[in-house]
PDB file of N, CA and C in Angstrom:
ATOM      1  N   MET A   1      64.924  88.257  76.070  1.00  0.00           N
ATOM      2  CA  MET A   1      65.132  87.407  77.224  1.00  0.00           C
ATOM      3  C   MET A   1      63.988  87.617  78.203  1.00  0.00           C
ATOM      4  N   ASP A   2      63.600  86.566  78.839  1.00  0.00           N
ATOM      5  CA  ASP A   2      62.545  86.725  79.825  1.00  0.00           C
ATOM      6  C   ASP A   2      63.138  87.216  81.139  1.00  0.00           C
ATOM      7  N   GLN A   3      62.280  87.687  82.017  1.00  0.00           N
ATOM      8  CA  GLN A   3      62.718  88.272  83.283  1.00  0.00           C
ATOM      9  C   GLN A   3      63.451  87.274  84.179  1.00  0.00           C
ATOM     10  N   GLN A   4      63.003  86.054  84.212  1.00  0.00           N
ATOM     11  CA  GLN A   4      63.630  85.050  85.071  1.00  0.00           C
ATOM     12  C   GLN A   4      65.064  84.776  84.626  1.00  0.00           C
ATOM     13  N   PHE A   5      65.282  84.650  83.336  1.00  0.00           N
ATOM     14  CA  PHE A   5      66.622  84.405  82.813  1.00  0.00           C
ATOM     15  C   PHE A   5      67.524  85.600  83.103  1.00  0.00           C
ATOM     16  N   THR A   6      67.001  86.797  82.931  1.00  0.00           N
ATOM     17  CA  THR A   6      67.773  88.012  83.197  1.00  0.00           C
ATOM     18  C   THR A   6      68.168  88.065  84.675  1.00  0.00           C
ATOM     19  N   GLY A   7      67.249  87.695  85.555  1.00  0.00           N
ATOM     20  CA  GLY A   7      67.539  87.681  86.986  1.00  0.00           C
ATOM     21  C   GLY A   7      68.616  86.673  87.334  1.00  0.00           C
ATOM     22  N   ILE A   8      68.521  85.487  86.748  1.00  0.00           N
ATOM     23  CA  ILE A   8      69.528  84.447  86.994  1.00  0.00           C
ATOM     24  C   ILE A   8      70.888  84.901  86.475  1.00  0.00           C
ATOM     25  N   LEU A   9      70.896  85.505  85.314  1.00  0.00           N
ATOM     26  CA  LEU A   9      72.136  86.010  84.735  1.00  0.00           C
ATOM     27  C   LEU A   9      72.751  87.079  85.635  1.00  0.00           C
ATOM     28  N   PHE A  10      71.932  87.984  86.148  1.00  0.00           N
ATOM     29  CA  PHE A  10      72.423  89.046  87.033  1.00  0.00           C
ATOM     30  C   PHE A  10      72.999  88.458  88.317  1.00  0.00           C
ATOM     31  N   ILE A  11      72.295  87.539  88.938  1.00  0.00           N
ATOM     32  CA  ILE A  11      72.760  86.925  90.185  1.00  0.00           C
ATOM     33  C   ILE A  11      74.057  86.147  89.952  1.00  0.00           C
ATOM     34  N   SER A  12      74.153  85.458  88.830  1.00  0.00           N
ATOM     35  CA  SER A  12      75.379  84.716  88.503  1.00  0.00           C
ATOM     36  C   SER A  12      76.563  85.659  88.333  1.00  0.00           C
ATOM     37  N   ALA A  13      76.334  86.766  87.641  1.00  0.00           N
ATOM     38  CA  ALA A  13      77.407  87.745  87.435  1.00  0.00           C
ATOM     39  C   ALA A  13      77.826  88.365  88.763  1.00  0.00           C
ATOM     40  N   LEU A  14      76.864  88.668  89.604  1.00  0.00           N
ATOM     41  CA  LEU A  14      77.167  89.244  90.908  1.00  0.00           C
ATOM     42  C   LEU A  14      77.968  88.257  91.768  1.00  0.00           C
ATOM     43  N   ALA A  15      77.570  87.006  91.766  1.00  0.00           N
ATOM     44  CA  ALA A  15      78.289  85.976  92.529  1.00  0.00           C
ATOM     45  C   ALA A  15      79.722  85.833  92.016  1.00  0.00           C
ATOM     46  N   ALA A  16      79.895  85.832  90.700  1.00  0.00           N
ATOM     47  CA  ALA A  16      81.235  85.721  90.122  1.00  0.00           C
ATOM     48  C   ALA A  16      82.101  86.914  90.533  1.00  0.00           C
ATOM     49  N   PHE A  17      81.508  88.093  90.564  1.00  0.00           N
ATOM     50  CA  PHE A  17      82.229  89.294  90.968  1.00  0.00           C
ATOM     51  C   PHE A  17      82.678  89.192  92.417  1.00  0.00           C
ATOM     52  N   VAL A  18      81.816  88.739  93.299  1.00  0.00           N
ATOM     53  CA  VAL A  18      82.144  88.592  94.720  1.00  0.00           C
ATOM     54  C   VAL A  18      83.242  87.549  94.906  1.00  0.00           C
ATOM     55  N   VAL A  19      83.113  86.413  94.237  1.00  0.00           N
ATOM     56  CA  VAL A  19      84.126  85.360  94.346  1.00  0.00           C
ATOM     57  C   VAL A  19      85.475  85.867  93.834  1.00  0.00           C
ATOM     58  N   TRP A  20      85.481  86.549  92.707  1.00  0.00           N
ATOM     59  CA  TRP A  20      86.714  87.098  92.141  1.00  0.00           C
ATOM     60  C   TRP A  20      87.377  88.060  93.127  1.00  0.00           C
ATOM     61  N   GLY A  21      86.580  88.901  93.779  1.00  0.00           N
ATOM     62  CA  GLY A  21      87.115  89.834  94.767  1.00  0.00           C
ATOM     63  C   GLY A  21      87.759  89.111  95.938  1.00  0.00           C
ATOM     64  N   GLN A  22      87.136  88.050  96.401  1.00  0.00           N
ATOM     65  CA  GLN A  22      87.689  87.276  97.518  1.00  0.00           C
ATOM     66  C   GLN A  22      88.995  86.584  97.122  1.00  0.00           C
ATOM     67  N   ILE A  23      89.045  86.072  95.922  1.00  0.00           N
ATOM     68  CA  ILE A  23      90.273  85.423  95.434  1.00  0.00           C
ATOM     69  C   ILE A  23      91.404  86.439  95.355  1.00  0.00           C
ATOM     70  N   ARG A  24      91.119  87.603  94.800  1.00  0.00           N
ATOM     71  CA  ARG A  24      92.139  88.659  94.703  1.00  0.00           C
ATOM     72  C   ARG A  24      92.625  89.073  96.079  1.00  0.00           C
ATOM     73  N   LYS A  25      91.688  89.225  97.028  1.00  0.00           N
ATOM     74  CA  LYS A  25      92.048  89.635  98.379  1.00  0.00           C
ATOM     75  C   LYS A  25      92.967  88.606  99.036  1.00  0.00           C
ATOM     76  N   ARG A  26      92.642  87.313  98.887  1.00  0.00           N
ATOM     77  CA  ARG A  26      93.485  86.259  99.466  1.00  0.00           C
ATOM     78  C   ARG A  26      94.858  86.231  98.814  1.00  0.00           C
ATOM     79  N   ASN A  27      94.913  86.390  97.503  1.00  0.00           N
ATOM     80  CA  ASN A  27      96.204  86.392  96.805  1.00  0.00           C
ATOM     81  C   ASN A  27      97.061  87.566  97.253  1.00  0.00           C
ATOM     82  N   THR A  28      96.435  88.730  97.405  1.00  0.00           N
ATOM     83  CA  THR A  28      97.170  89.906  97.867  1.00  0.00           C
ATOM     84  C   THR A  28      97.680  89.679  99.280  1.00  0.00           C
ATOM     85  N   ALA A  29      96.841  89.148 100.152  1.00  0.00           N
ATOM     86  CA  ALA A  29      97.258  88.885 101.536  1.00  0.00           C
ATOM     87  C   ALA A  29      98.434  87.922 101.573  1.00  0.00           C
ATOM     88  N   ARG A  30      98.400  86.915 100.739  1.00  0.00           N
ATOM     89  CA  ARG A  30      99.494  85.946 100.674  1.00  0.00           C
ATOM     90  C   ARG A  30     100.788  86.629 100.202  1.00  0.00           C
ATOM     91  N   LYS A  31     100.683  87.477  99.196  1.00  0.00           N
ATOM     92  CA  LYS A  31     101.862  88.188  98.688  1.00  0.00           C
ATOM     93  C   LYS A  31     102.416  89.152  99.728  1.00  0.00           C
ATOM     94  N   VAL A  32     101.519  89.854 100.425  1.00  0.00           N
ATOM     95  CA  VAL A  32     101.954  90.791 101.465  1.00  0.00           C
ATOM     96  C   VAL A  32     102.666  90.037 102.583  1.00  0.00           C
ATOM     97  N   ARG A  33     102.085  88.946 103.034  1.00  0.00           N
ATOM     98  CA  ARG A  33     102.690  88.134 104.102  1.00  0.00           C
ATOM     99  C   ARG A  33     104.095  87.680 103.691  1.00  0.00           C
ATOM    100  N   ALA A  34     104.232  87.214 102.455  1.00  0.00           N
ATOM    101  CA  ALA A  34     105.538  86.754 101.965  1.00  0.00           C
ATOM    102  C   ALA A  34     106.524  87.915 101.890  1.00  0.00           C
ATOM    103  N   ALA A  35     106.080  89.047 101.364  1.00  0.00           N
ATOM    104  CA  ALA A  35     106.978  90.198 101.223  1.00  0.00           C
ATOM    105  C   ALA A  35     107.454  90.697 102.586  1.00  0.00           C
ATOM    106  N   VAL A  36     106.538  90.785 103.538  1.00  0.00           N
ATOM    107  CA  VAL A  36     106.916  91.236 104.886  1.00  0.00           C
ATOM    108  C   VAL A  36     107.884  90.226 105.505  1.00  0.00           C
ATOM    109  N   GLY A  37     107.614  88.952 105.322  1.00  0.00           N
ATOM    110  CA  GLY A  37     108.500  87.920 105.847  1.00  0.00           C
ATOM    111  C   GLY A  37     109.892  87.966 105.252  1.00  0.00           C
ATOM    112  N   GLU A  38     109.990  88.455 104.031  1.00  0.00           N
ATOM    113  CA  GLU A  38     111.285  88.552 103.349  1.00  0.00           C
ATOM    114  C   GLU A  38     111.953  89.907 103.558  1.00  0.00           C
ATOM    115  N   GLY A  39     111.368  90.750 104.412  1.00  0.00           N
ATOM    116  CA  GLY A  39     112.015  92.014 104.753  1.00  0.00           C
ATOM    117  C   GLY A  39     111.594  93.228 103.962  1.00  0.00           C
ATOM    118  N   ALA A  40     110.426  93.202 103.345  1.00  0.00           N
ATOM    119  CA  ALA A  40     109.951  94.374 102.598  1.00  0.00           C
ATOM    120  C   ALA A  40     109.851  95.584 103.528  1.00  0.00           C
ATOM    121  N   LEU A  41     110.042  96.747 102.963  1.00  0.00           N
ATOM    122  CA  LEU A  41     109.825  97.982 103.701  1.00  0.00           C
ATOM    123  C   LEU A  41     108.321  98.186 103.824  1.00  0.00           C
ATOM    124  N   VAL A  42     107.841  98.363 105.041  1.00  0.00           N
ATOM    125  CA  VAL A  42     106.414  98.593 105.277  1.00  0.00           C
ATOM    126  C   VAL A  42     106.215 100.082 105.526  1.00  0.00           C
ATOM    127  N   VAL A  43     105.320 100.690 104.727  1.00  0.00           N
ATOM    128  CA  VAL A  43     105.082 102.131 104.815  1.00  0.00           C
ATOM    129  C   VAL A  43     103.627 102.388 105.181  1.00  0.00           C
ATOM    130  N   ASP A  44     103.453 103.103 106.273  1.00  0.00           N
ATOM    131  CA  ASP A  44     102.141 103.547 106.737  1.00  0.00           C
ATOM    132  C   ASP A  44     101.909 104.923 106.126  1.00  0.00           C
ATOM    133  N   VAL A  45     100.901 105.053 105.267  1.00  0.00           N
ATOM    134  CA  VAL A  45     100.675 106.326 104.576  1.00  0.00           C
ATOM    135  C   VAL A  45      99.582 107.164 105.245  1.00  0.00           C
ATOM    136  N   ARG A  46      99.229 106.806 106.485  1.00  0.00           N
ATOM    137  CA  ARG A  46      98.267 107.594 107.246  1.00  0.00           C
ATOM    138  C   ARG A  46      98.952 108.839 107.798  1.00  0.00           C
ATOM    139  N   THR A  47      98.177 109.694 108.439  1.00  0.00           N
ATOM    140  CA  THR A  47      98.743 110.902 109.038  1.00  0.00           C
ATOM    141  C   THR A  47      99.623 110.529 110.227  1.00  0.00           C
ATOM    142  N   ALA A  48     100.434 111.481 110.654  1.00  0.00           N
ATOM    143  CA  ALA A  48     101.301 111.250 111.815  1.00  0.00           C
ATOM    144  C   ALA A  48     100.474 110.934 113.061  1.00  0.00           C
ATOM    145  N   GLY A  49      99.342 111.578 113.217  1.00  0.00           N
ATOM    146  CA  GLY A  49      98.472 111.315 114.365  1.00  0.00           C
ATOM    147  C   GLY A  49      97.914 109.908 114.350  1.00  0.00           C
ATOM    148  N   GLU A  50      97.489 109.454 113.170  1.00  0.00           N
ATOM    149  CA  GLU A  50      96.983 108.093 113.051  1.00  0.00           C
ATOM    150  C   GLU A  50      98.093 107.082 113.359  1.00  0.00           C
ATOM    151  N   TYR A  51      99.268 107.363 112.832  1.00  0.00           N
ATOM    152  CA  TYR A  51     100.424 106.491 113.065  1.00  0.00           C
ATOM    153  C   TYR A  51     100.739 106.413 114.563  1.00  0.00           C
ATOM    154  N   ALA A  52     100.723 107.558 115.228  1.00  0.00           N
ATOM    155  CA  ALA A  52     101.036 107.609 116.659  1.00  0.00           C
ATOM    156  C   ALA A  52     100.022 106.834 117.490  1.00  0.00           C
ATOM    157  N   SER A  53      98.798 106.710 116.992  1.00  0.00           N
ATOM    158  CA  SER A  53      97.766 105.999 117.757  1.00  0.00           C
ATOM    159  C   SER A  53      97.892 104.480 117.632  1.00  0.00           C
ATOM    160  N   GLY A  54      98.810 104.017 116.802  1.00  0.00           N
ATOM    161  CA  GLY A  54      99.044 102.591 116.628  1.00  0.00           C
ATOM    162  C   GLY A  54      99.405 102.287 115.196  1.00  0.00           C
ATOM    163  N   HIS A  55     100.436 101.481 115.020  1.00  0.00           N
ATOM    164  CA  HIS A  55     100.906 101.162 113.671  1.00  0.00           C
ATOM    165  C   HIS A  55     101.502  99.760 113.636  1.00  0.00           C
ATOM    166  N   TYR A  56     101.779  99.304 112.448  1.00  0.00           N
ATOM    167  CA  TYR A  56     102.380  97.992 112.256  1.00  0.00           C
ATOM    168  C   TYR A  56     103.825  98.041 112.748  1.00  0.00           C
ATOM    169  N   PRO A  57     104.290  96.984 113.415  1.00  0.00           N
ATOM    170  CA  PRO A  57     105.672  96.971 113.905  1.00  0.00           C
ATOM    171  C   PRO A  57     106.680  97.250 112.781  1.00  0.00           C
ATOM    172  N   GLU A  58     107.602  98.141 113.069  1.00  0.00           N
ATOM    173  CA  GLU A  58     108.700  98.501 112.162  1.00  0.00           C
ATOM    174  C   GLU A  58     108.255  99.266 110.912  1.00  0.00           C
ATOM    175  N   ALA A  59     106.981  99.645 110.833  1.00  0.00           N
ATOM    176  CA  ALA A  59     106.525 100.442 109.687  1.00  0.00           C
ATOM    177  C   ALA A  59     107.057 101.862 109.804  1.00  0.00           C
ATOM    178  N   VAL A  60     107.401 102.435 108.671  1.00  0.00           N
ATOM    179  CA  VAL A  60     107.785 103.848 108.644  1.00  0.00           C
ATOM    180  C   VAL A  60     106.555 104.647 108.239  1.00  0.00           C
ATOM    181  N   ASN A  61     106.453 105.847 108.768  1.00  0.00           N
ATOM    182  CA  ASN A  61     105.307 106.700 108.474  1.00  0.00           C
ATOM    183  C   ASN A  61     105.699 107.760 107.458  1.00  0.00           C
ATOM    184  N   ILE A  62     105.114 107.652 106.290  1.00  0.00           N
ATOM    185  CA  ILE A  62     105.256 108.694 105.269  1.00  0.00           C
ATOM    186  C   ILE A  62     103.835 108.984 104.785  1.00  0.00           C
ATOM    187  N   PRO A  63     103.187 110.010 105.332  1.00  0.00           N
ATOM    188  CA  PRO A  63     101.806 110.299 104.944  1.00  0.00           C
ATOM    189  C   PRO A  63     101.666 110.483 103.426  1.00  0.00           C
ATOM    190  N   LEU A  64     100.527 110.075 102.914  1.00  0.00           N
ATOM    191  CA  LEU A  64     100.288 110.124 101.476  1.00  0.00           C
ATOM    192  C   LEU A  64     100.592 111.495 100.889  1.00  0.00           C
ATOM    193  N   ASP A  65     100.197 112.562 101.567  1.00  0.00           N
ATOM    194  CA  ASP A  65     100.392 113.899 101.004  1.00  0.00           C
ATOM    195  C   ASP A  65     101.856 114.333 100.945  1.00  0.00           C
ATOM    196  N   THR A  66     102.760 113.577 101.550  1.00  0.00           N
ATOM    197  CA  THR A  66     104.191 113.894 101.479  1.00  0.00           C
ATOM    198  C   THR A  66     104.989 112.815 100.751  1.00  0.00           C
ATOM    199  N   LEU A  67     104.313 111.775 100.314  1.00  0.00           N
ATOM    200  CA  LEU A  67     104.998 110.608  99.756  1.00  0.00           C
ATOM    201  C   LEU A  67     105.835 110.928  98.524  1.00  0.00           C
ATOM    202  N   GLN A  68     105.332 111.737  97.628  1.00  0.00           N
ATOM    203  CA  GLN A  68     106.100 112.038  96.419  1.00  0.00           C
ATOM    204  C   GLN A  68     107.403 112.748  96.777  1.00  0.00           C
ATOM    205  N   LYS A  69     107.335 113.718  97.680  1.00  0.00           N
ATOM    206  CA  LYS A  69     108.532 114.463  98.083  1.00  0.00           C
ATOM    207  C   LYS A  69     109.526 113.582  98.843  1.00  0.00           C
ATOM    208  N   LYS A  70     109.011 112.641  99.638  1.00  0.00           N
ATOM    209  CA  LYS A  70     109.861 111.836 100.505  1.00  0.00           C
ATOM    210  C   LYS A  70     110.133 110.436  99.956  1.00  0.00           C
ATOM    211  N   SER A  71     109.780 110.197  98.701  1.00  0.00           N
ATOM    212  CA  SER A  71     109.951 108.846  98.148  1.00  0.00           C
ATOM    213  C   SER A  71     111.406 108.406  98.119  1.00  0.00           C
ATOM    214  N   GLY A  72     112.334 109.336  98.122  1.00  0.00           N
ATOM    215  CA  GLY A  72     113.751 108.993  98.150  1.00  0.00           C
ATOM    216  C   GLY A  72     114.145 108.229  99.406  1.00  0.00           C
ATOM    217  N   LYS A  73     113.351 108.353 100.476  1.00  0.00           N
ATOM    218  CA  LYS A  73     113.635 107.634 101.730  1.00  0.00           C
ATOM    219  C   LYS A  73     113.334 106.139 101.622  1.00  0.00           C
ATOM    220  N   LEU A  74     112.708 105.727 100.523  1.00  0.00           N
ATOM    221  CA  LEU A  74     112.334 104.329 100.366  1.00  0.00           C
ATOM    222  C   LEU A  74     113.486 103.453  99.909  1.00  0.00           C
ATOM    223  N   GLY A  75     114.532 104.060  99.443  1.00  0.00           N
ATOM    224  CA  GLY A  75     115.677 103.280  98.977  1.00  0.00           C
ATOM    225  C   GLY A  75     115.566 102.951  97.498  1.00  0.00           C
ATOM    226  N   ALA A  76     116.212 101.877  97.114  1.00  0.00           N
ATOM    227  CA  ALA A  76     116.269 101.471  95.702  1.00  0.00           C
ATOM    228  C   ALA A  76     114.870 101.211  95.154  1.00  0.00           C
ATOM    229  N   LYS A  77     114.682 101.547  93.887  1.00  0.00           N
ATOM    230  CA  LYS A  77     113.360 101.413  93.270  1.00  0.00           C
ATOM    231  C   LYS A  77     112.951  99.968  93.024  1.00  0.00           C
ATOM    232  N   ASP A  78     113.879  99.039  93.177  1.00  0.00           N
ATOM    233  CA  ASP A  78     113.499  97.637  93.028  1.00  0.00           C
ATOM    234  C   ASP A  78     113.256  96.961  94.384  1.00  0.00           C
ATOM    235  N   ARG A  79     113.355  97.721  95.444  1.00  0.00           N
ATOM    236  CA  ARG A  79     113.110  97.205  96.796  1.00  0.00           C
ATOM    237  C   ARG A  79     111.615  96.905  96.976  1.00  0.00           C
ATOM    238  N   ALA A  80     111.303  95.833  97.664  1.00  0.00           N
ATOM    239  CA  ALA A  80     109.907  95.501  97.948  1.00  0.00           C
ATOM    240  C   ALA A  80     109.350  96.496  98.967  1.00  0.00           C
ATOM    241  N   VAL A  81     108.204  97.077  98.632  1.00  0.00           N
ATOM    242  CA  VAL A  81     107.549  98.052  99.497  1.00  0.00           C
ATOM    243  C   VAL A  81     106.095  97.632  99.661  1.00  0.00           C
ATOM    244  N   VAL A  82     105.634  97.598 100.913  1.00  0.00           N
ATOM    245  CA  VAL A  82     104.241  97.304 101.233  1.00  0.00           C
ATOM    246  C   VAL A  82     103.654  98.568 101.843  1.00  0.00           C
ATOM    247  N   VAL A  83     102.543  99.041 101.292  1.00  0.00           N
ATOM    248  CA  VAL A  83     101.891 100.237 101.827  1.00  0.00           C
ATOM    249  C   VAL A  83     100.549  99.863 102.442  1.00  0.00           C
ATOM    250  N   TYR A  84     100.182 100.579 103.498  1.00  0.00           N
ATOM    251  CA  TYR A  84      98.866 100.389 104.110  1.00  0.00           C
ATOM    252  C   TYR A  84      98.375 101.716 104.674  1.00  0.00           C
ATOM    253  N   CYS A  85      97.084 101.769 104.963  1.00  0.00           N
ATOM    254  CA  CYS A  85      96.485 102.953 105.573  1.00  0.00           C
ATOM    255  C   CYS A  85      95.371 102.487 106.511  1.00  0.00           C
ATOM    256  N   ALA A  86      94.329 103.290 106.659  1.00  0.00           N
ATOM    257  CA  ALA A  86      93.229 102.931 107.558  1.00  0.00           C
ATOM    258  C   ALA A  86      92.195 102.042 106.872  1.00  0.00           C
ATOM    259  N   SER A  87      91.916 102.323 105.594  1.00  0.00           N
ATOM    260  CA  SER A  87      90.845 101.582 104.918  1.00  0.00           C
ATOM    261  C   SER A  87      91.269 100.932 103.609  1.00  0.00           C
ATOM    262  N   GLY A  88      92.357 101.386 103.043  1.00  0.00           N
ATOM    263  CA  GLY A  88      92.817 100.867 101.759  1.00  0.00           C
ATOM    264  C   GLY A  88      92.769 101.897 100.645  1.00  0.00           C
ATOM    265  N   SER A  89      92.091 102.991 100.863  1.00  0.00           N
ATOM    266  CA  SER A  89      91.962 104.014  99.823  1.00  0.00           C
ATOM    267  C   SER A  89      93.282 104.772  99.611  1.00  0.00           C
ATOM    268  N   ARG A  90      93.837 105.308 100.686  1.00  0.00           N
ATOM    269  CA  ARG A  90      95.098 106.045 100.551  1.00  0.00           C
ATOM    270  C   ARG A  90      96.241 105.132 100.147  1.00  0.00           C
ATOM    271  N   SER A  91      96.223 103.892 100.629  1.00  0.00           N
ATOM    272  CA  SER A  91      97.307 102.981 100.243  1.00  0.00           C
ATOM    273  C   SER A  91      97.226 102.641  98.760  1.00  0.00           C
ATOM    274  N   ALA A  92      96.011 102.562  98.211  1.00  0.00           N
ATOM    275  CA  ALA A  92      95.864 102.331  96.767  1.00  0.00           C
ATOM    276  C   ALA A  92      96.444 103.512  95.989  1.00  0.00           C
ATOM    277  N   GLN A  93      96.172 104.711  96.458  1.00  0.00           N
ATOM    278  CA  GLN A  93      96.736 105.907  95.816  1.00  0.00           C
ATOM    279  C   GLN A  93      98.256 105.920  95.938  1.00  0.00           C
ATOM    280  N   ALA A  94      98.745 105.540  97.117  1.00  0.00           N
ATOM    281  CA  ALA A  94     100.193 105.518  97.348  1.00  0.00           C
ATOM    282  C   ALA A  94     100.875 104.501  96.439  1.00  0.00           C
ATOM    283  N   ALA A  95     100.290 103.309  96.328  1.00  0.00           N
ATOM    284  CA  ALA A  95     100.870 102.272  95.469  1.00  0.00           C
ATOM    285  C   ALA A  95     100.922 102.748  94.018  1.00  0.00           C
ATOM    286  N   ALA A  96      99.841 103.367  93.554  1.00  0.00           N
ATOM    287  CA  ALA A  96      99.810 103.874  92.173  1.00  0.00           C
ATOM    288  C   ALA A  96     100.864 104.964  91.974  1.00  0.00           C
ATOM    289  N   LEU A  97     100.991 105.853  92.948  1.00  0.00           N
ATOM    290  CA  LEU A  97     101.991 106.919  92.863  1.00  0.00           C
ATOM    291  C   LEU A  97     103.393 106.342  92.800  1.00  0.00           C
ATOM    292  N   LEU A  98     103.693 105.394  93.677  1.00  0.00           N
ATOM    293  CA  LEU A  98     105.034 104.808  93.690  1.00  0.00           C
ATOM    294  C   LEU A  98     105.347 104.087  92.382  1.00  0.00           C
ATOM    295  N   ARG A  99     104.364 103.425  91.825  1.00  0.00           N
ATOM    296  CA  ARG A  99     104.584 102.768  90.523  1.00  0.00           C
ATOM    297  C   ARG A  99     104.881 103.801  89.446  1.00  0.00           C
ATOM    298  N   ARG A 100     104.145 104.918  89.464  1.00  0.00           N
ATOM    299  CA  ARG A 100     104.411 105.990  88.485  1.00  0.00           C
ATOM    300  C   ARG A 100     105.813 106.569  88.670  1.00  0.00           C
ATOM    301  N   LEU A 101     106.312 106.554  89.912  1.00  0.00           N
ATOM    302  CA  LEU A 101     107.647 107.072  90.194  1.00  0.00           C
ATOM    303  C   LEU A 101     108.748 106.063  89.885  1.00  0.00           C
ATOM    304  N   GLY A 102     108.350 104.868  89.435  1.00  0.00           N
ATOM    305  CA  GLY A 102     109.338 103.883  89.006  1.00  0.00           C
ATOM    306  C   GLY A 102     109.606 102.758  89.988  1.00  0.00           C
ATOM    307  N   TYR A 103     108.884 102.720  91.098  1.00  0.00           N
ATOM    308  CA  TYR A 103     109.057 101.615  92.047  1.00  0.00           C
ATOM    309  C   TYR A 103     108.326 100.409  91.472  1.00  0.00           C
ATOM    310  N   GLY A 104     109.054  99.329  91.264  1.00  0.00           N
ATOM    311  CA  GLY A 104     108.491  98.198  90.552  1.00  0.00           C
ATOM    312  C   GLY A 104     107.959  97.069  91.413  1.00  0.00           C
ATOM    313  N   ASN A 105     108.211  97.126  92.709  1.00  0.00           N
ATOM    314  CA  ASN A 105     107.819  96.020  93.581  1.00  0.00           C
ATOM    315  C   ASN A 105     107.005  96.564  94.755  1.00  0.00           C
ATOM    316  N   VAL A 106     105.812  97.096  94.446  1.00  0.00           N
ATOM    317  CA  VAL A 106     104.954  97.729  95.443  1.00  0.00           C
ATOM    318  C   VAL A 106     103.694  96.896  95.623  1.00  0.00           C
ATOM    319  N   LEU A 107     103.354  96.638  96.875  1.00  0.00           N
ATOM    320  CA  LEU A 107     102.118  95.924  97.193  1.00  0.00           C
ATOM    321  C   LEU A 107     101.228  96.804  98.056  1.00  0.00           C
ATOM    322  N   ASN A 108      99.964  96.862  97.716  1.00  0.00           N
ATOM    323  CA  ASN A 108      98.975  97.574  98.511  1.00  0.00           C
ATOM    324  C   ASN A 108      98.328  96.566  99.452  1.00  0.00           C
ATOM    325  N   ALA A 109      98.644  96.655 100.744  1.00  0.00           N
ATOM    326  CA  ALA A 109      98.055  95.746 101.722  1.00  0.00           C
ATOM    327  C   ALA A 109      96.639  96.165 102.099  1.00  0.00           C
ATOM    328  N   GLY A 110      96.275  97.389 101.773  1.00  0.00           N
ATOM    329  CA  GLY A 110      94.950  97.886 102.150  1.00  0.00           C
ATOM    330  C   GLY A 110      94.999  98.483 103.536  1.00  0.00           C
ATOM    331  N   ALA A 111      94.117  98.003 104.398  1.00  0.00           N
ATOM    332  CA  ALA A 111      94.000  98.541 105.752  1.00  0.00           C
ATOM    333  C   ALA A 111      95.030  97.952 106.696  1.00  0.00           C
ATOM    334  N   LEU A 112      95.343  98.690 107.750  1.00  0.00           N
ATOM    335  CA  LEU A 112      96.231  98.185 108.794  1.00  0.00           C
ATOM    336  C   LEU A 112      95.729  96.848 109.318  1.00  0.00           C
ATOM    337  N   SER A 113      94.428  96.718 109.440  1.00  0.00           N
ATOM    338  CA  SER A 113      93.849  95.469 109.946  1.00  0.00           C
ATOM    339  C   SER A 113      94.074  94.286 109.005  1.00  0.00           C
ATOM    340  N   SER A 114      94.470  94.546 107.770  1.00  0.00           N
ATOM    341  CA  SER A 114      94.746  93.478 106.806  1.00  0.00           C
ATOM    342  C   SER A 114      96.201  93.023 106.819  1.00  0.00           C
ATOM    343  N   MET A 115      97.027  93.720 107.584  1.00  0.00           N
ATOM    344  CA  MET A 115      98.442  93.354 107.640  1.00  0.00           C
ATOM    345  C   MET A 115      98.585  92.020 108.378  1.00  0.00           C
ATOM    346  N   PRO A 116      99.583  91.226 107.984  1.00  0.00           N
ATOM    347  CA  PRO A 116      99.769  89.914 108.639  1.00  0.00           C
ATOM    348  C   PRO A 116     100.236  90.095 110.088  1.00  0.00           C
ATOM    349  N   PRO A 117      99.909  89.134 110.941  1.00  0.00           N
ATOM    350  CA  PRO A 117     100.369  89.213 112.329  1.00  0.00           C
ATOM    351  C   PRO A 117     101.892  89.238 112.389  1.00  0.00           C
ATOM    352  N   LYS A 118     102.407  89.956 113.333  1.00  0.00           N
ATOM    353  CA  LYS A 118     103.880  90.051 113.482  1.00  0.00           C
ATOM    354  C   LYS A 118     104.255  89.641 114.867  1.00  0.00           C
TER     355      LYS A 118
END
């Protein structure tokens, strides 16, 4: 392959990756908005200090490092649960942990700033 074709192929793949990420983000936001509107339990997995400095209305604070021990506070395993944190990293870990524990309806909202207006 010549260099120009390789460059075009790379740019096309990169553009497709960016577009795919945006589509996924919008779909997740739509699902989170619907779940919160239908009464999902919202869990802030940040530290207690972060939670105290501001949190989503009606969110419960269960820091990631205590989530496995305190998962019984979430209620039934088929209950809709939305998790968020500061950037999306801890909430991704929390969502994966809850799924491993048998919670089947978990959504990772990512960052607090990504939560729908309330």
